[in-house]
Protein backbone atom coordinates (compact mmCIF):
# COMPACT_ATOMS: atom_id res chain seq x y z
CA MET A 1 206.97 152.94 124.36
CA LEU A 2 205.08 151.47 121.35
CA HIS A 3 201.41 150.77 121.82
CA GLU A 4 199.33 147.65 121.27
CA GLU A 5 195.76 146.56 121.86
CA CYS A 6 194.26 147.43 125.22
CA SER A 7 193.64 144.54 127.57
CA LYS A 8 192.62 146.58 130.57
CA SER A 9 190.36 145.00 133.16
CA ASN A 10 187.11 146.70 134.09
CA SER A 11 187.63 146.10 137.80
CA PHE A 12 189.72 148.39 139.96
CA ILE A 13 190.47 148.55 143.66
CA GLU A 14 190.05 151.62 145.82
CA CYS A 15 190.53 151.37 149.59
CA GLY A 16 190.07 147.63 149.40
CA HIS A 17 186.78 147.65 147.48
CA LEU A 18 186.19 146.97 143.79
CA GLN A 19 185.23 150.09 141.89
CA SER A 20 184.29 150.86 138.30
CA ARG A 21 186.94 152.52 136.15
CA GLY A 22 184.36 155.12 135.18
CA ARG A 23 184.25 156.57 138.68
CA MET A 24 187.04 159.13 138.98
CA ALA A 25 187.96 159.71 142.58
CA ASP A 26 187.93 163.34 143.75
CA GLY A 27 189.46 165.18 146.65
CA SER A 28 186.89 163.88 149.11
CA SER A 29 188.18 160.33 148.70
CA THR A 30 191.89 161.14 148.97
CA PRO A 31 193.55 158.74 151.41
CA ALA A 32 194.84 160.24 154.64
CA THR A 33 198.34 158.87 154.04
CA PRO A 34 200.22 159.35 150.78
CA SER A 35 201.57 156.31 148.98
CA ALA A 36 204.78 158.07 147.89
CA LYS A 37 206.28 161.47 147.21
CA VAL A 38 207.86 163.07 144.17
CA SER A 39 211.64 162.72 144.49
CA ALA A 40 212.74 164.05 141.07
CA ILE A 41 211.33 165.70 137.95
CA PHE A 42 212.94 165.35 134.53
CA ILE A 43 212.25 167.26 131.33
CA TYR A 44 213.66 166.30 127.93
CA PRO A 45 213.39 169.36 125.66
CA ILE A 46 214.90 167.54 122.64
CA LYS A 47 213.63 164.02 122.09
CA SER A 48 216.25 161.38 122.95
CA CYS A 49 218.76 163.94 124.28
CA ARG A 50 219.68 164.43 127.93
CA ALA A 51 217.23 165.44 130.60
CA ILE A 52 217.08 168.59 132.67
CA SER A 53 216.46 167.82 136.34
CA VAL A 54 214.27 170.49 137.93
CA SER A 55 212.69 171.09 141.32
CA ARG A 56 209.37 172.23 139.84
CA ALA A 57 207.68 172.09 136.46
CA PRO A 58 204.54 173.63 134.95
CA LEU A 59 201.84 171.26 133.73
CA THR A 60 200.32 171.57 130.26
CA PRO A 61 197.81 169.31 128.46
CA THR A 62 200.70 167.79 126.45
CA GLY A 63 202.97 167.12 129.44
CA PHE A 64 205.44 169.24 131.35
CA ARG A 65 206.19 172.50 129.59
CA TRP A 66 209.18 172.18 127.21
CA ASP A 67 209.15 168.38 127.32
CA ARG A 68 209.87 166.87 123.87
CA GLN A 69 209.13 170.16 122.13
CA TRP A 70 212.04 169.54 119.74
CA MET A 71 213.18 166.56 117.72
CA VAL A 72 216.03 165.68 115.37
CA VAL A 73 214.82 164.23 112.05
CA ASN A 74 216.37 162.90 108.86
CA SER A 75 215.84 164.23 105.36
CA GLN A 76 212.50 162.44 105.15
CA GLY A 77 211.28 163.91 108.43
CA ARG A 78 211.58 160.66 110.38
CA MET A 79 212.71 160.91 113.99
CA TYR A 80 216.23 160.13 115.14
CA THR A 81 216.39 158.56 118.59
CA GLN A 82 218.99 156.74 120.66
CA ARG A 83 217.69 153.49 119.21
CA VAL A 84 219.61 154.23 116.02
CA GLU A 85 221.76 157.19 117.11
CA PRO A 86 222.99 156.45 120.66
CA ARG A 87 225.27 159.52 120.61
CA LEU A 88 222.17 161.64 121.21
CA ALA A 89 222.58 160.51 124.83
CA LEU A 90 225.59 162.86 125.07
CA VAL A 91 223.71 165.95 123.89
CA GLU A 92 223.14 168.29 126.83
CA VAL A 93 220.34 170.84 126.82
CA GLU A 94 220.06 173.94 128.98
CA LEU A 95 217.08 176.23 129.43
CA PRO A 96 216.86 179.44 131.48
CA SER A 97 215.99 178.63 135.09
CA GLU A 98 213.00 180.94 134.86
CA ALA A 99 211.60 178.80 132.04
CA PHE A 100 210.19 176.49 134.70
CA LEU A 101 208.19 179.21 136.42
CA GLU A 102 204.49 179.17 135.66
CA ASN A 103 203.30 181.65 133.01
CA TRP A 104 206.87 182.67 132.09
CA GLU A 105 207.20 183.80 128.50
CA PRO A 106 210.52 183.94 126.61
CA THR A 107 211.99 187.14 125.21
CA GLN A 108 214.33 187.76 122.29
CA ASP A 109 217.18 187.08 124.71
CA SER A 110 215.89 183.69 125.90
CA TYR A 111 217.73 180.70 124.48
CA MET A 112 217.97 176.97 124.64
CA VAL A 113 221.66 176.07 124.63
CA VAL A 114 222.75 172.71 123.23
CA ASN A 115 226.17 171.15 123.87
CA ALA A 116 227.87 167.90 122.83
CA PRO A 117 231.43 166.53 122.86
CA GLY A 118 233.61 168.18 120.23
CA MET A 119 230.94 170.74 119.31
CA GLN A 120 230.58 174.45 119.89
CA PRO A 121 227.43 175.48 121.82
CA LEU A 122 224.29 175.85 119.71
CA LYS A 123 221.81 178.55 120.74
CA ILE A 124 218.13 178.29 119.81
CA CYS A 125 215.96 181.35 120.43
CA LEU A 126 212.91 180.33 122.43
CA SER A 127 210.73 183.24 121.35
CA GLN A 128 211.24 182.83 117.61
CA GLN A 129 209.65 179.94 115.79
CA GLY A 130 210.90 179.01 112.36
CA LYS A 131 209.03 178.35 109.16
CA GLU A 132 207.04 175.20 108.67
CA VAL A 133 209.16 172.44 107.15
CA ALA A 134 208.31 171.35 103.63
CA ASN A 135 207.76 167.71 104.53
CA ALA A 136 205.71 166.35 107.39
CA VAL A 137 207.64 164.83 110.30
CA SER A 138 206.78 161.53 111.93
CA VAL A 139 206.85 159.89 115.34
CA TRP A 140 205.83 156.26 114.99
CA GLU A 141 202.38 156.24 113.40
CA TRP A 142 201.81 160.01 113.72
CA THR A 143 202.75 162.52 111.03
CA GLY A 144 202.27 166.27 111.09
CA SER A 145 203.81 169.63 110.39
CA ALA A 146 206.73 171.01 112.39
CA LEU A 147 208.79 174.19 112.55
CA ASP A 148 212.35 174.29 111.21
CA GLU A 149 214.88 175.72 113.69
CA GLY A 150 217.10 176.89 110.88
CA ALA A 151 220.21 176.10 108.89
CA GLU A 152 222.66 176.54 111.78
CA ALA A 153 220.83 173.98 113.93
CA SER A 154 220.55 171.57 111.01
CA GLN A 155 224.27 171.85 110.29
CA TRP A 156 225.16 171.41 113.98
CA PHE A 157 223.30 168.11 114.30
CA SER A 158 224.43 166.98 110.83
CA ASP A 159 228.05 167.55 111.82
CA TYR A 160 227.58 165.84 115.16
CA LEU A 161 225.84 162.71 113.86
CA GLY A 162 227.66 162.62 110.52
CA LYS A 163 224.52 162.54 108.39
CA PRO A 164 221.90 165.03 107.16
CA CYS A 165 219.74 166.21 110.07
CA GLN A 166 217.22 168.86 110.87
CA LEU A 167 216.11 170.19 114.26
CA VAL A 168 212.36 170.80 114.33
CA ARG A 169 209.95 172.18 116.90
CA PHE A 170 206.43 170.92 117.51
CA ASN A 171 203.95 173.14 115.67
CA SER A 172 201.54 173.74 118.52
CA ALA A 173 199.76 176.49 116.58
CA SER A 174 198.36 174.05 114.04
CA GLU A 175 199.00 170.50 115.24
CA VAL A 176 197.33 168.35 117.88
CA ARG A 177 198.77 164.90 118.43
CA PRO A 178 196.18 162.78 120.26
CA VAL A 179 197.15 160.03 122.66
CA ASP A 180 196.36 156.49 121.51
CA PRO A 181 192.54 156.19 121.80
CA ASP A 182 192.83 152.44 122.43
CA TYR A 183 194.19 153.30 125.87
CA VAL A 184 192.98 156.81 126.64
CA LYS A 185 189.58 158.36 126.14
CA GLY A 186 189.01 162.08 125.93
CA GLN A 187 190.99 165.02 124.63
CA HIS A 188 194.44 163.94 125.78
CA GLN A 189 197.39 164.89 123.63
CA THR A 190 201.16 164.90 123.51
CA THR A 191 204.04 166.31 121.44
CA PHE A 192 207.14 164.36 120.32
CA THR A 193 207.01 161.76 123.11
CA ASP A 194 206.83 158.11 122.14
CA GLY A 195 203.13 158.24 122.91
CA TYR A 196 202.06 159.63 126.30
CA PRO A 197 202.46 162.95 128.13
CA PHE A 198 204.05 161.58 131.32
CA LEU A 199 206.11 158.60 132.43
CA LEU A 200 206.32 157.74 136.13
CA ALA A 201 208.69 155.33 137.85
CA SER A 202 209.72 154.68 141.44
CA GLN A 203 213.09 154.68 143.15
CA GLU A 204 212.15 151.41 144.82
CA SER A 205 211.66 149.73 141.45
CA LEU A 206 215.10 150.89 140.38
CA ASP A 207 216.62 149.72 143.68
CA GLU A 208 214.99 146.31 143.27
CA LEU A 209 216.35 145.99 139.75
CA ASN A 210 219.84 147.05 140.83
CA GLU A 211 219.92 144.31 143.45
CA HIS A 212 220.00 141.84 140.55
CA LEU A 213 222.68 143.67 138.53
CA LYS A 214 226.45 143.37 138.87
CA GLU A 215 226.74 147.06 137.97
CA PRO A 216 223.86 149.30 139.13
CA VAL A 217 222.23 151.59 136.59
CA SER A 218 220.85 155.08 137.02
CA ILE A 219 217.24 156.08 136.53
CA ASN A 220 218.37 158.02 133.45
CA ARG A 221 218.37 154.71 131.55
CA PHE A 222 214.55 154.74 131.79
CA ARG A 223 213.91 158.43 131.09
CA PRO A 224 210.91 159.08 133.37
CA ASN A 225 209.34 162.49 133.83
CA ILE A 226 208.37 161.84 137.45
CA LEU A 227 210.37 159.76 139.91
CA VAL A 228 208.66 158.89 143.19
CA GLU A 229 209.87 157.22 146.36
CA GLY A 230 208.32 155.70 149.47
CA CYS A 231 206.32 152.89 147.84
CA GLU A 232 206.86 149.20 147.27
CA PRO A 233 208.91 148.11 144.25
CA TYR A 234 206.84 148.09 141.06
CA SER A 235 203.71 149.15 142.92
CA GLU A 236 203.32 151.90 140.29
CA ASP A 237 202.33 149.13 137.86
CA LEU A 238 198.98 148.95 139.61
CA TRP A 239 198.12 152.65 139.90
CA THR A 240 195.26 153.79 137.68
CA ASP A 241 193.99 156.96 139.37
CA ILE A 242 196.69 159.03 141.00
CA LYS A 243 196.69 162.37 142.77
CA ILE A 244 199.93 164.37 142.86
CA SER A 245 199.56 167.54 144.90
CA LYS A 246 196.05 168.67 143.81
CA PHE A 247 196.20 167.18 140.32
CA LEU A 248 194.54 164.01 139.10
CA PHE A 249 196.43 161.68 136.76
CA SER A 250 195.51 158.41 135.11
CA GLY A 251 197.93 155.53 134.86
CA VAL A 252 197.00 154.28 131.40
CA LYS A 253 199.61 151.80 130.19
CA LEU A 254 202.67 150.00 131.45
CA CYS A 255 205.78 151.18 129.61
CA TYR A 256 207.46 148.40 127.71
CA ARG A 257 211.10 148.99 127.05
CA CYS A 258 213.14 149.05 123.86
CA LYS A 259 216.96 149.01 123.67
CA ILE A 260 217.45 152.50 125.15
CA PRO A 261 217.86 151.25 128.77
CA THR A 262 220.91 149.30 127.54
CA ILE A 263 222.65 152.52 126.46
CA ASN A 264 224.96 154.05 129.06
CA GLN A 265 223.82 157.67 129.18
CA GLU A 266 227.31 158.89 130.11
CA THR A 267 229.18 157.07 127.33
CA ALA A 268 226.51 156.28 124.67
CA ILE A 269 227.79 152.68 124.65
CA ALA A 270 225.24 149.86 124.66
CA ALA A 271 225.54 146.62 126.62
CA PRO A 272 223.11 143.76 127.36
CA GLU A 273 222.05 145.00 130.78
CA PRO A 274 219.67 145.88 132.30
CA ASN A 275 217.40 144.36 129.66
CA GLU A 276 218.74 140.84 130.14
CA THR A 277 217.85 140.95 133.82
CA LEU A 278 214.51 142.58 133.11
CA MET A 279 213.74 139.70 130.75
CA LYS A 280 214.31 137.32 133.68
CA THR A 281 212.30 139.37 136.18
CA ARG A 282 209.90 141.68 134.32
CA SER A 283 208.90 139.98 131.08
CA GLY A 284 205.31 139.65 130.00
CA GLU A 285 205.67 135.91 130.40
CA LEU A 286 206.35 136.38 134.12
CA ILE A 287 204.21 139.34 135.16
CA ARG A 288 201.45 139.13 132.52
CA PRO A 289 201.19 135.38 131.77
CA ASN A 290 197.84 135.68 130.00
CA ASP A 291 199.02 138.44 127.68
CA LYS A 292 200.17 137.77 124.12
CA ASN A 293 203.30 139.95 124.45
CA LYS A 294 205.32 137.51 126.54
CA LYS A 295 208.75 138.69 125.37
CA ARG A 296 208.26 142.33 126.25
CA ILE A 297 209.83 143.84 129.35
CA TYR A 298 208.18 146.51 131.46
CA PHE A 299 209.39 149.36 133.65
CA GLY A 300 207.32 152.42 134.56
CA GLN A 301 203.78 153.66 134.07
CA ASN A 302 202.58 155.96 131.28
CA MET A 303 200.19 158.65 132.52
CA THR A 304 197.89 161.42 131.41
CA TRP A 305 196.89 164.49 133.41
CA ASN A 306 193.15 165.07 133.71
CA TRP A 307 193.57 168.71 132.74
CA MET A 308 190.04 169.36 131.48
CA GLY A 309 188.89 170.38 134.96
CA PHE A 310 191.45 173.18 135.21
CA SER A 311 190.99 176.61 133.68
CA ALA A 312 193.59 177.44 131.05
CA GLU A 313 193.99 180.87 132.68
CA GLY A 314 194.23 179.51 136.21
CA SER A 315 197.41 179.57 138.26
CA GLY A 316 199.17 177.03 140.41
CA LYS A 317 199.52 174.27 137.77
CA ILE A 318 202.92 173.22 139.09
CA ILE A 319 204.31 169.86 140.21
CA LYS A 320 207.18 170.11 142.71
CA VAL A 321 209.76 167.75 144.18
CA GLY A 322 208.39 166.73 147.56
CA ASP A 323 204.73 166.70 146.49
CA SER A 324 202.66 163.91 147.98
CA VAL A 325 201.44 161.10 145.73
CA TYR A 326 198.10 159.50 146.57
CA VAL A 327 196.78 156.35 144.94
CA LEU A 328 193.02 156.71 144.50
CA GLN A 329 192.42 153.54 142.49
CA LYS A 330 194.52 150.60 141.44
CA VAL A 331 194.22 147.17 139.90
CA SER A 332 194.87 144.09 142.00
CA SER A 333 197.77 142.70 139.93
CA THR A 334 200.07 143.61 137.06
CA ALA A 335 198.24 141.06 134.94
CA GLU A 336 195.16 143.33 135.10
CA ALA A 337 197.01 146.50 134.12
CA ALA A 338 196.86 147.84 130.60
CA ALA A 339 200.02 147.21 128.61
């Protein structure tokens, strides 16, 4: 979620031997046996609203296509999220099924459809981009221009949340939002995410957490982009160089969790769990005892895709459910991971 100083170790493990972080593993060093497989893919077109679960998704330098391309902001351009507006959890978003095909381009008849309890459907044309908003919009420390999706969309969200709102779209024609350079080197970028293009978590980590809960929670509490299965619980904490299908990713920072996991995504009602249990099992004090952030709780791994090696015009940049996940490098303990 939020970012702090990097405390990443310089030593990494690959196939049982210490390796330098600077050495990126390539296809020739891919292990014979995958460590996991992709079991689900989630895309969140509007920041803090519900996910779309898809069987395949195109990769872009900023994340999966359509992920966090839109955001609801207040009159000053500051983001609204479930942290302060939990009812965003009830906002459903639909995109045309063909939107997740590689190289698909929207037409005048292509729409994003937004629904919420008590509201009429809102249709946003995917091929038309509005005018640049007068004031810059902000996500944490970043500010930049955005595109206004119009008066109807603003009124829809204002009526739903009961306060002045505006729906804006990331201005990809003029804006580049770099990923935190304290954790990621190179030309990595994102859109309206909290900070990183991808978030990965494992089913086994969720299962382990649910064993400690009186009422199990769904993975939608943690809002990952990629869910994997077939690994040990919380093993994704250690992964630093990852190959999914033919694509190389870097695990760059453990994801520390805010209050959103406490919000029931079906009711928008908050309760103490699962954060209370995570504080007892996944706090910095327990899993990162030498770190200064002892009261933070962690679940999931933020990632970047090493897209620079792929031609922008090339084809086949698709991640699919069922793809194999190979761990090329990892740290030896969670205490060594960046967080």
